[in-house]
Amino acid sequence: MSQDRQLFDAIKRHFARKSSAQLQEIVQGTNPERWSPEAIAAADEILQDRRAGRAEEPQLAEEEQPPLSPPFPYGLGFLVGFIPIFALNGFRFGSEFGAGARENPDLPVPFGPKAAWLALDTTDTEAVAAALGLREVRASSWAEGIEAAYQASVFVTPPLADWTLAVSTALFPPDRVEVFVKPLLERLSRQFGEAQYFCTHRAVELHLWARARQGRLVRAFGWLGEKGLTLWHEGPPTRAERDLGFGFLDGQPATGTPAPDETGVMQIAALWSVDPTTLDEHFKEPQPGLLGRWAGNAIGQ
């Protein structure tokens, strides 16, 4: 599937939650900075499908977001209190998500919710494990690896097209997100060309995406919905973010645009690299990955 088709389909999935009145506003809009031609075409196609009876109006349309309260500063250690939540809730969800993999433990197992992961532009699984400084590295099936990742081990996947992923609850930021993620991505992108970071946890509505190229961070956004707080906003929003409807004003999600959520993180991951929640749909080869553990305050240090 081409990148343009992926983008178009992702926009349609997102817009399917909007009412026809909201879609009509997009189609008739004259703001090219807000909506790309692909977004307008996707909205128009959904409207045509609804008129022809091929699609239905959502029972509960996506509501416009109310104005957000201003952010407040957060100090060192602000996120530390969430780590027990990540560890407990994350593994429970991971076990349910991968339950169907026990019959075929070597086949790709989807993951993503209540997890954090890296996407690296390489097919060298061993190089990724080495770059992360993992210890006691060994081969692992997908089923074992994903289950262990939700218990703070690090599972490095076999190649997924041009990408390799590394997933673990240990990758949740232990402190200020930019202090943990930015140097990690910049270091990895110097080695692999591009490095991306994603995390999402619905218990506290923590949602974050970031990418670096050739040693330089180019985009990052982090949102703590429980407190209506922007944790990190750096670099211009990407085309994928704009076309999925995300808007930003002074670092906050703009009024009238969707607040970042779990689904949005997966959609951005799909457009930037790989959506981990659909691995079993797109990758059918039974290949092992690598499982290891890390020590210290940051991966690879």
Protein backbone atom coordinates (compact mmCIF):
# COMPACT_ATOMS: atom_id res chain seq x y z
CA MET A 1 0.00 0.00 0.00
CA SER A 2 1.41 3.41 -0.94
CA GLN A 3 2.07 6.12 1.64
CA ASP A 4 -0.58 8.33 -0.02
CA ARG A 5 -3.17 5.55 0.24
CA GLN A 6 -2.22 4.92 3.88
CA LEU A 7 -2.66 8.61 4.60
CA PHE A 8 -6.01 8.76 2.83
CA ASP A 9 -7.34 5.66 4.64
CA ALA A 10 -6.14 6.93 8.03
CA ILE A 11 -7.87 10.25 7.46
CA LYS A 12 -11.10 8.47 6.49
CA ARG A 13 -11.01 6.32 9.63
CA HIS A 14 -10.56 9.44 11.73
CA PHE A 15 -13.23 11.44 9.90
CA ALA A 16 -15.76 8.59 10.14
CA ARG A 17 -16.36 9.73 13.72
CA LYS A 18 -17.47 13.19 12.55
CA SER A 19 -21.02 14.21 11.73
CA SER A 20 -21.98 15.03 8.16
CA ALA A 21 -22.30 18.67 9.18
CA GLN A 22 -18.70 18.67 10.42
CA LEU A 23 -17.52 16.97 7.23
CA GLN A 24 -19.40 19.48 5.11
CA GLU A 25 -17.55 22.30 6.85
CA ILE A 26 -14.24 20.64 5.93
CA VAL A 27 -15.27 20.19 2.29
CA GLN A 28 -16.42 23.80 2.01
CA GLY A 29 -13.52 25.20 4.00
CA THR A 30 -11.03 27.59 2.50
CA ASN A 31 -8.17 27.17 4.97
CA PRO A 32 -5.38 25.22 3.18
CA GLU A 33 -3.18 25.42 6.28
CA ARG A 34 -5.76 23.45 8.29
CA TRP A 35 -6.90 20.87 5.71
CA SER A 36 -4.83 19.36 2.93
CA PRO A 37 -6.37 18.29 -0.41
CA GLU A 38 -6.26 14.67 0.83
CA ALA A 39 -8.24 15.58 3.95
CA ILE A 40 -10.87 17.45 1.95
CA ALA A 41 -11.14 14.56 -0.52
CA ALA A 42 -11.52 12.05 2.34
CA ALA A 43 -14.31 14.11 3.92
CA ASP A 44 -16.07 14.38 0.56
CA GLU A 45 -15.80 10.63 -0.06
CA ILE A 46 -17.36 9.83 3.33
CA LEU A 47 -20.22 12.21 2.57
CA GLN A 48 -20.77 10.50 -0.79
CA ASP A 49 -20.72 7.07 0.88
CA ARG A 50 -23.35 8.20 3.38
CA ARG A 51 -25.59 9.62 0.67
CA ALA A 52 -25.33 6.35 -1.26
CA GLY A 53 -26.05 4.25 1.83
CA ARG A 54 -22.56 2.71 1.93
CA ALA A 55 -21.79 4.33 5.27
CA GLU A 56 -23.85 5.46 8.23
CA GLU A 57 -23.90 8.60 10.32
CA PRO A 58 -22.09 7.93 13.64
CA GLN A 59 -24.49 7.36 16.52
CA LEU A 60 -22.38 9.66 18.66
CA ALA A 61 -20.46 12.18 16.59
CA GLU A 62 -17.07 13.39 17.69
CA GLU A 63 -17.65 16.49 19.76
CA GLU A 64 -15.76 19.71 19.29
CA GLN A 65 -13.25 20.11 22.08
CA PRO A 66 -13.98 22.83 24.67
CA PRO A 67 -11.35 25.48 25.44
CA LEU A 68 -8.57 24.06 27.53
CA SER A 69 -7.27 25.44 30.78
CA PRO A 70 -3.80 26.96 30.58
CA PRO A 71 -0.89 24.63 31.24
CA PHE A 72 0.98 24.72 34.51
CA PRO A 73 4.67 24.07 35.03
CA TYR A 74 5.79 20.67 36.18
CA GLY A 75 8.99 19.93 37.92
CA LEU A 76 11.54 17.18 37.93
CA GLY A 77 9.99 13.90 38.95
CA PHE A 78 6.43 14.91 37.95
CA LEU A 79 5.81 11.66 36.07
CA VAL A 80 7.48 9.28 38.48
CA GLY A 81 4.24 8.61 40.32
CA PHE A 82 2.69 7.14 37.17
CA ILE A 83 5.23 4.35 36.77
CA PRO A 84 3.40 1.91 39.09
CA ILE A 85 0.23 2.52 37.07
CA PHE A 86 2.12 1.74 33.86
CA ALA A 87 3.58 -1.45 35.27
CA LEU A 88 0.35 -2.84 36.70
CA ASN A 89 -2.18 -1.81 34.06
CA GLY A 90 0.18 -2.26 31.16
CA PHE A 91 0.87 -5.93 31.72
CA ARG A 92 -2.78 -6.76 32.26
CA PHE A 93 -3.69 -5.25 28.91
CA GLY A 94 -0.69 -6.81 27.21
CA SER A 95 -1.74 -10.28 28.29
CA GLU A 96 -5.22 -9.77 26.83
CA PHE A 97 -3.94 -8.27 23.61
CA GLY A 98 -1.58 -11.15 22.93
CA ALA A 99 -3.82 -13.96 24.11
CA GLY A 100 -4.50 -15.20 20.59
CA ALA A 101 -0.80 -15.57 19.90
CA ARG A 102 -0.27 -18.51 22.20
CA GLU A 103 -1.27 -20.97 19.48
CA ASN A 104 1.27 -19.44 17.08
CA PRO A 105 3.89 -17.85 19.34
CA ASP A 106 6.30 -16.99 16.50
CA LEU A 107 3.78 -14.95 14.48
CA PRO A 108 3.69 -11.16 14.99
CA VAL A 109 1.67 -10.08 18.02
CA PRO A 110 0.02 -6.64 17.99
CA PHE A 111 0.67 -4.24 20.85
CA GLY A 112 0.52 -0.52 21.51
CA PRO A 113 -2.04 0.56 24.13
CA LYS A 114 -0.51 1.08 27.57
CA ALA A 115 2.98 0.74 26.10
CA ALA A 116 5.94 2.73 24.84
CA TRP A 117 8.03 1.86 21.80
CA LEU A 118 10.71 2.99 19.40
CA ALA A 119 10.61 2.68 15.62
CA LEU A 120 14.02 2.64 13.94
CA ASP A 121 14.73 2.81 10.23
CA THR A 122 16.73 -0.40 10.01
CA THR A 123 16.32 -4.14 9.45
CA ASP A 124 19.25 -5.00 11.74
CA THR A 125 17.64 -6.36 14.92
CA GLU A 126 20.96 -7.12 16.59
CA ALA A 127 22.21 -3.59 15.95
CA VAL A 128 19.12 -2.18 17.66
CA ALA A 129 19.63 -4.35 20.74
CA ALA A 130 23.27 -3.28 20.88
CA ALA A 131 22.41 0.41 20.42
CA LEU A 132 19.98 0.21 23.33
CA GLY A 133 22.63 -1.37 25.52
CA LEU A 134 20.46 -4.36 26.36
CA ARG A 135 21.84 -7.03 28.65
CA GLU A 136 21.29 -10.80 28.72
CA VAL A 137 19.99 -10.66 25.15
CA ARG A 138 18.48 -13.83 23.72
CA ALA A 139 16.16 -14.93 20.95
CA SER A 140 12.47 -14.74 21.75
CA SER A 141 9.16 -15.55 20.12
CA TRP A 142 6.70 -12.73 19.60
CA ALA A 143 4.32 -14.10 22.24
CA GLU A 144 7.01 -14.34 24.89
CA GLY A 145 8.59 -11.05 23.89
CA ILE A 146 5.44 -8.93 24.03
CA GLU A 147 4.38 -10.45 27.33
CA ALA A 148 7.83 -9.74 28.79
CA ALA A 149 7.77 -6.19 27.37
CA TYR A 150 4.74 -5.45 29.52
CA GLN A 151 6.83 -6.55 32.52
CA ALA A 152 9.63 -4.04 31.73
CA SER A 153 11.89 -6.23 29.59
CA VAL A 154 12.68 -4.87 26.12
CA PHE A 155 11.52 -6.80 23.06
CA VAL A 156 13.20 -5.92 19.77
CA THR A 157 11.09 -7.12 16.86
CA PRO A 158 12.36 -8.79 13.71
CA PRO A 159 12.27 -6.46 10.68
CA LEU A 160 8.83 -5.11 9.78
CA ALA A 161 9.25 -3.93 6.18
CA ASP A 162 11.98 -1.26 6.55
CA TRP A 163 11.52 -0.79 10.29
CA THR A 164 12.47 -2.46 13.56
CA LEU A 165 10.52 -1.74 16.74
CA ALA A 166 11.59 -1.95 20.37
CA VAL A 167 8.81 -2.09 22.95
CA SER A 168 8.79 -2.01 26.74
CA THR A 169 7.01 -0.39 29.65
CA ALA A 170 10.55 0.54 30.71
CA LEU A 171 10.48 3.05 27.85
CA PHE A 172 7.88 5.20 29.59
CA PRO A 173 9.60 8.46 30.54
CA PRO A 174 10.72 8.31 34.18
CA ASP A 175 10.90 12.10 34.42
CA ARG A 176 10.51 15.11 32.15
CA VAL A 177 9.72 13.56 28.81
CA GLU A 178 12.07 15.66 26.69
CA VAL A 179 15.00 14.96 29.01
CA PHE A 180 14.50 11.23 28.52
CA VAL A 181 13.34 11.01 24.90
CA LYS A 182 15.18 13.74 23.00
CA PRO A 183 18.80 12.62 23.59
CA LEU A 184 17.78 8.99 23.04
CA LEU A 185 16.17 9.70 19.66
CA GLU A 186 18.95 11.99 18.51
CA ARG A 187 21.59 9.39 19.38
CA LEU A 188 19.70 6.55 17.69
CA SER A 189 18.95 8.63 14.59
CA ARG A 190 22.64 9.33 14.11
CA GLN A 191 23.12 5.58 13.79
CA PHE A 192 19.95 4.55 11.95
CA GLY A 193 18.98 7.70 10.04
CA GLU A 194 15.54 8.05 11.63
CA ALA A 195 14.28 7.20 15.10
CA GLN A 196 10.74 7.61 16.39
CA TYR A 197 9.22 7.35 19.85
CA PHE A 198 5.62 6.69 20.86
CA CYS A 199 3.88 6.09 24.15
CA THR A 200 0.26 6.03 25.23
CA HIS A 201 -1.50 5.13 28.46
CA ARG A 202 -5.22 5.66 28.83
CA ALA A 203 -5.23 5.52 32.66
CA VAL A 204 -3.76 9.04 32.83
CA GLU A 205 -4.32 9.98 29.15
CA LEU A 206 -0.61 10.17 28.46
CA HIS A 207 0.03 10.37 24.71
CA LEU A 208 3.34 11.22 23.07
CA TRP A 209 5.00 11.05 19.66
CA ALA A 210 8.42 12.25 18.54
CA ARG A 211 10.85 11.74 15.68
CA ALA A 212 14.48 12.58 14.96
CA ARG A 213 16.48 12.45 11.74
CA GLN A 214 20.22 12.39 11.26
CA GLY A 215 20.89 13.31 14.88
CA ARG A 216 18.35 16.14 15.20
CA LEU A 217 14.88 16.12 16.74
CA VAL A 218 12.41 17.40 14.16
CA ARG A 219 9.05 16.99 15.91
CA ALA A 220 7.69 16.07 19.34
CA PHE A 221 4.41 16.44 21.15
CA GLY A 222 3.37 15.08 24.53
CA TRP A 223 -0.01 15.42 26.23
CA LEU A 224 -1.21 14.53 29.72
CA GLY A 225 -4.97 14.62 29.32
CA GLU A 226 -5.73 13.91 32.96
CA LYS A 227 -4.42 17.39 33.78
CA GLY A 228 -4.95 19.10 30.41
CA LEU A 229 -1.20 19.62 30.26
CA THR A 230 1.17 19.83 27.31
CA LEU A 231 4.32 18.00 28.38
CA TRP A 232 6.35 18.69 25.24
CA HIS A 233 5.87 20.68 22.05
CA GLU A 234 8.87 21.05 19.76
CA GLY A 235 9.18 21.42 16.01
CA PRO A 236 6.43 22.17 13.48
CA PRO A 237 3.44 19.80 13.30
CA THR A 238 3.79 17.25 10.52
CA ARG A 239 1.49 16.75 7.59
CA ALA A 240 0.21 13.54 9.20
CA GLU A 241 -0.87 15.45 12.32
CA ARG A 242 -2.60 18.15 10.32
CA ASP A 243 -4.43 15.70 8.10
CA LEU A 244 -5.65 13.71 11.10
CA GLY A 245 -7.24 16.91 12.37
CA PHE A 246 -4.79 17.82 15.14
CA GLY A 247 -4.28 21.52 15.57
CA PHE A 248 -2.01 23.37 17.97
CA LEU A 249 -2.04 26.88 19.40
CA ASP A 250 0.78 28.02 21.65
CA GLY A 251 1.70 24.39 22.27
CA GLN A 252 -1.82 23.35 23.29
CA PRO A 253 -4.36 21.36 21.24
CA ALA A 254 -6.37 24.07 19.50
CA THR A 255 -10.03 24.56 20.32
CA GLY A 256 -12.23 22.73 17.82
CA THR A 257 -9.63 20.05 17.05
CA PRO A 258 -9.42 16.57 18.60
CA ALA A 259 -7.39 16.21 21.75
CA PRO A 260 -4.57 13.66 21.42
CA ASP A 261 -5.70 10.16 22.30
CA GLU A 262 -4.68 6.53 22.00
CA THR A 263 -6.17 6.17 18.52
CA GLY A 264 -4.35 9.27 17.32
CA VAL A 265 -1.00 7.88 18.49
CA MET A 266 -1.58 4.70 16.48
CA GLN A 267 -2.66 6.64 13.40
CA ILE A 268 0.46 8.80 13.49
CA ALA A 269 2.60 5.70 13.99
CA ALA A 270 0.98 4.15 10.90
CA LEU A 271 1.80 7.20 8.78
CA TRP A 272 5.31 7.70 10.10
CA SER A 273 6.37 4.04 10.22
CA VAL A 274 4.33 1.07 11.53
CA ASP A 275 1.05 0.79 13.44
CA PRO A 276 1.83 -1.84 16.11
CA THR A 277 -1.85 -2.64 16.68
CA THR A 278 -2.20 -4.12 13.17
CA LEU A 279 1.00 -6.17 12.95
CA ASP A 280 -0.86 -9.46 12.65
CA GLU A 281 -2.81 -8.11 9.66
CA HIS A 282 0.19 -6.97 7.62
CA PHE A 283 3.05 -9.26 8.64
CA LYS A 284 2.63 -13.04 8.41
CA GLU A 285 6.17 -14.41 8.60
CA PRO A 286 7.06 -16.36 11.79
CA GLN A 287 10.35 -14.76 12.82
CA PRO A 288 11.87 -14.46 16.31
CA GLY A 289 12.99 -11.21 17.84
CA LEU A 290 15.41 -10.42 20.65
CA LEU A 291 14.60 -10.01 24.32
CA GLY A 292 16.81 -8.28 26.86
CA ARG A 293 16.84 -6.11 29.91
CA TRP A 294 18.18 -2.68 30.58
CA ALA A 295 19.60 -0.99 33.65
CA GLY A 296 20.14 2.62 34.64
CA ASN A 297 18.08 5.75 34.22
CA ALA A 298 17.97 5.74 30.43
CA ILE A 299 18.18 3.14 27.71
CA GLY A 300 21.72 2.63 26.51
CA GLN A 301 23.40 4.77 29.17
